[in-house]
C-alpha atoms as a PDB file:
ATOM      1  CA  HIS A   1     110.893  96.651 113.504  1.00  0.00           C
ATOM      2  CA  LYS A   2     111.407  93.363 110.014  1.00  0.00           C
ATOM      3  CA  THR A   3     109.593  92.154 112.968  1.00  0.00           C
ATOM      4  CA  LYS A   4     106.753  93.586 113.343  1.00  0.00           C
ATOM      5  CA  ILE A   5     106.312  94.790 110.510  1.00  0.00           C
ATOM      6  CA  VAL A   6     105.731  91.537 108.828  1.00  0.00           C
ATOM      7  CA  GLU A   7     103.733  90.290 111.889  1.00  0.00           C
ATOM      8  CA  PHE A   8     101.625  93.241 110.549  1.00  0.00           C
ATOM      9  CA  TYR A   9     101.813  91.564 107.415  1.00  0.00           C
ATOM     10  CA  LEU A  10     101.162  88.644 108.441  1.00  0.00           C
ATOM     11  CA  LYS A  11      98.197  89.358 110.525  1.00  0.00           C
ATOM     12  CA  GLY A  12      96.282  91.077 107.420  1.00  0.00           C
ATOM     13  CA  TYR A  13      97.150  94.225 107.888  1.00  0.00           C
ATOM     14  CA  GLU A  14      98.308  96.225 104.499  1.00  0.00           C
ATOM     15  CA  TYR A  15     100.831  98.226 103.395  1.00  0.00           C
ATOM     16  CA  THR A  16      99.305 101.813 103.613  1.00  0.00           C
ATOM     17  CA  GLU A  17      98.065 101.112 107.443  1.00  0.00           C
ATOM     18  CA  ILE A  18     101.759  98.799 107.923  1.00  0.00           C
ATOM     19  CA  GLU A  19     102.726 102.599 106.075  1.00  0.00           C
ATOM     20  CA  ARG A  20     101.188 104.614 108.759  1.00  0.00           C
ATOM     21  CA  ARG A  21     101.313 102.865 111.698  1.00  0.00           C
ATOM     22  CA  THR A  22     105.836 101.675 110.972  1.00  0.00           C
ATOM     23  CA  ARG A  23     105.865 105.181 109.289  1.00  0.00           C
ATOM     24  CA  HIS A  24     108.698 102.965 106.629  1.00  0.00           C
ATOM     25  CA  THR A  25     108.384 103.175 103.448  1.00  0.00           C
ATOM     26  CA  GLY A  26     106.453 100.779 101.098  1.00  0.00           C
ATOM     27  CA  GLN A  27     109.869  99.879  99.641  1.00  0.00           C
ATOM     28  CA  SER A  28     110.760  99.618 102.823  1.00  0.00           C
ATOM     29  CA  ILE A  29     108.123  97.228 104.013  1.00  0.00           C
ATOM     30  CA  LYS A  30     108.869  95.361 100.642  1.00  0.00           C
ATOM     31  CA  ARG A  31     111.550  94.349 101.628  1.00  0.00           C
ATOM     32  CA  TYR A  32     111.329  92.894 104.508  1.00  0.00           C
ATOM     33  CA  ILE A  33     108.511  90.608 103.617  1.00  0.00           C
ATOM     34  CA  ILE A  34     110.913  90.058 100.573  1.00  0.00           C
ATOM     35  CA  GLY A  35     113.797  88.598 103.328  1.00  0.00           C
ATOM     36  CA  PHE A  36     110.438  86.899 105.212  1.00  0.00           C
ATOM     37  CA  SER A  37     109.673  85.309 102.844  1.00  0.00           C
ATOM     38  CA  LYS A  38     113.489  83.631 101.550  1.00  0.00           C
ATOM     39  CA  VAL A  39     114.468  83.034 104.954  1.00  0.00           C
ATOM     40  CA  VAL A  40     111.301  80.704 104.972  1.00  0.00           C
ATOM     41  CA  MET A  41     111.980  78.620 101.681  1.00  0.00           C
ATOM     42  CA  LEU A  42     115.287  78.357 102.864  1.00  0.00           C
ATOM     43  CA  GLN A  43     114.033  76.810 105.811  1.00  0.00           C
ATOM     44  CA  SER A  44     111.828  74.538 104.191  1.00  0.00           C
ATOM     45  CA  LYS A  45     114.442  73.130 102.101  1.00  0.00           C
ATOM     46  CA  GLY A  46     116.567  72.107 104.589  1.00  0.00           C
ATOM     47  CA  TYR A  47     118.905  75.100 104.880  1.00  0.00           C
ATOM     48  CA  THR A  48     120.061  75.512 108.899  1.00  0.00           C
ATOM     49  CA  PRO A  49     119.496  78.831 110.443  1.00  0.00           C
ATOM     50  CA  ASN A  50     122.500  79.206 109.678  1.00  0.00           C
ATOM     51  CA  GLN A  51     123.307  78.584 105.685  1.00  0.00           C
ATOM     52  CA  ILE A  52     119.737  80.668 105.401  1.00  0.00           C
ATOM     53  CA  ARG A  53     121.891  83.594 107.271  1.00  0.00           C
ATOM     54  CA  GLU A  54     124.939  83.985 104.688  1.00  0.00           C
ATOM     55  CA  ILE A  55     122.613  82.387 101.924  1.00  0.00           C
ATOM     56  CA  THR A  56     119.942  86.123 102.993  1.00  0.00           C
ATOM     57  CA  ASN A  57     123.923  87.662 104.331  1.00  0.00           C
ATOM     58  CA  THR A  58     121.071  88.516 106.905  1.00  0.00           C
ATOM     59  CA  THR A  59     122.081  88.259 110.481  1.00  0.00           C
ATOM     60  CA  GLU A  60     121.484  86.130 112.424  1.00  0.00           C
ATOM     61  CA  LYS A  61     118.600  87.546 114.797  1.00  0.00           C
ATOM     62  CA  VAL A  62     117.032  88.344 112.332  1.00  0.00           C
ATOM     63  CA  VAL A  63     116.616  84.743 111.039  1.00  0.00           C
ATOM     64  CA  ASN A  64     115.706  83.355 113.931  1.00  0.00           C
ATOM     65  CA  GLU A  65     113.155  86.195 114.690  1.00  0.00           C
ATOM     66  CA  TYR A  66     112.214  85.500 110.730  1.00  0.00           C
ATOM     67  CA  LEU A  67     111.454  81.661 111.848  1.00  0.00           C
ATOM     68  CA  GLU A  68     109.720  82.160 114.615  1.00  0.00           C
ATOM     69  CA  LEU A  69     107.349  84.713 113.080  1.00  0.00           C
ATOM     70  CA  TYR A  70     107.079  81.749 110.369  1.00  0.00           C
ATOM     71  CA  GLN A  71     105.746  79.088 112.955  1.00  0.00           C
ATOM     72  CA  LYS A  72     103.643  81.476 115.232  1.00  0.00           C
ATOM     73  CA  TYR A  73     101.197  83.288 112.684  1.00  0.00           C
ATOM     74  CA  GLY A  74     102.054  79.846 109.669  1.00  0.00           C
ATOM     75  CA  ASP A  75      98.244  78.720 110.272  1.00  0.00           C
ATOM     76  CA  ILE A  76      96.569  82.536 111.042  1.00  0.00           C
ATOM     77  CA  GLY A  77      99.031  83.623 107.839  1.00  0.00           C
ATOM     78  CA  LYS A  78      99.029  81.255 106.125  1.00  0.00           C
ATOM     79  CA  GLU A  79      97.682  82.389 102.535  1.00  0.00           C
ATOM     80  CA  ARG A  80     100.064  85.652 103.378  1.00  0.00           C
ATOM     81  CA  ILE A  81     103.329  83.265 103.231  1.00  0.00           C
ATOM     82  CA  ASP A  82     101.627  80.738 100.411  1.00  0.00           C
ATOM     83  CA  GLN A  83     102.127  83.962  98.116  1.00  0.00           C
ATOM     84  CA  LEU A  84     105.110  84.323  99.214  1.00  0.00           C
ATOM     85  CA  LEU A  85     106.333  81.656  98.597  1.00  0.00           C
ATOM     86  CA  SER A  86     104.859  80.528  95.250  1.00  0.00           C
ATOM     87  CA  THR A  87     106.870  83.713  93.756  1.00  0.00           C
ATOM     88  CA  PRO A  88     109.634  82.754  92.232  1.00  0.00           C
ATOM     89  CA  LYS A  89     113.510  84.331  93.946  1.00  0.00           C
ATOM     90  CA  ILE A  90     115.728  84.291  91.929  1.00  0.00           C
ATOM     91  CA  GLU A  91     118.534  86.294  93.597  1.00  0.00           C
ATOM     92  CA  VAL A  92     118.367  83.976  96.434  1.00  0.00           C
ATOM     93  CA  GLU A  93     118.794  81.466  93.450  1.00  0.00           C
ATOM     94  CA  ASN A  94     121.402  82.696  92.300  1.00  0.00           C
ATOM     95  CA  LYS A  95     123.131  82.782  95.158  1.00  0.00           C
ATOM     96  CA  LYS A  96     123.266  79.027  96.352  1.00  0.00           C
ATOM     97  CA  LYS A  97     124.682  78.318  93.393  1.00  0.00           C
ATOM     98  CA  GLU A  98     127.533  80.917  93.282  1.00  0.00           C
ATOM     99  CA  MET A  99     127.816  78.834  96.982  1.00  0.00           C
ATOM    100  CA  ILE A 100     127.764  75.660  95.671  1.00  0.00           C
ATOM    101  CA  GLN A 101     130.542  76.274  93.075  1.00  0.00           C
END
């Protein structure tokens, strides 16, 4: 369901429409979208899927599904992806620092 929710978001659906279609709360939707943006950001910085999985504490399956969505909707959802990537992700940066130390 995470992947489907992110897919709706990338296709341009608003939170209220995604909530109605999936019966998920706005908070859940936001959490999935933030998770997706973290995966994409780390991939764009050269991290491997396994490293992304460890840094984000996400399953391998979800990381791979998010990366597939990014490939599939990179053009269609470009505006939304660009918005997500321009937002600082302090939590991910802190976790990366912990792994390096």
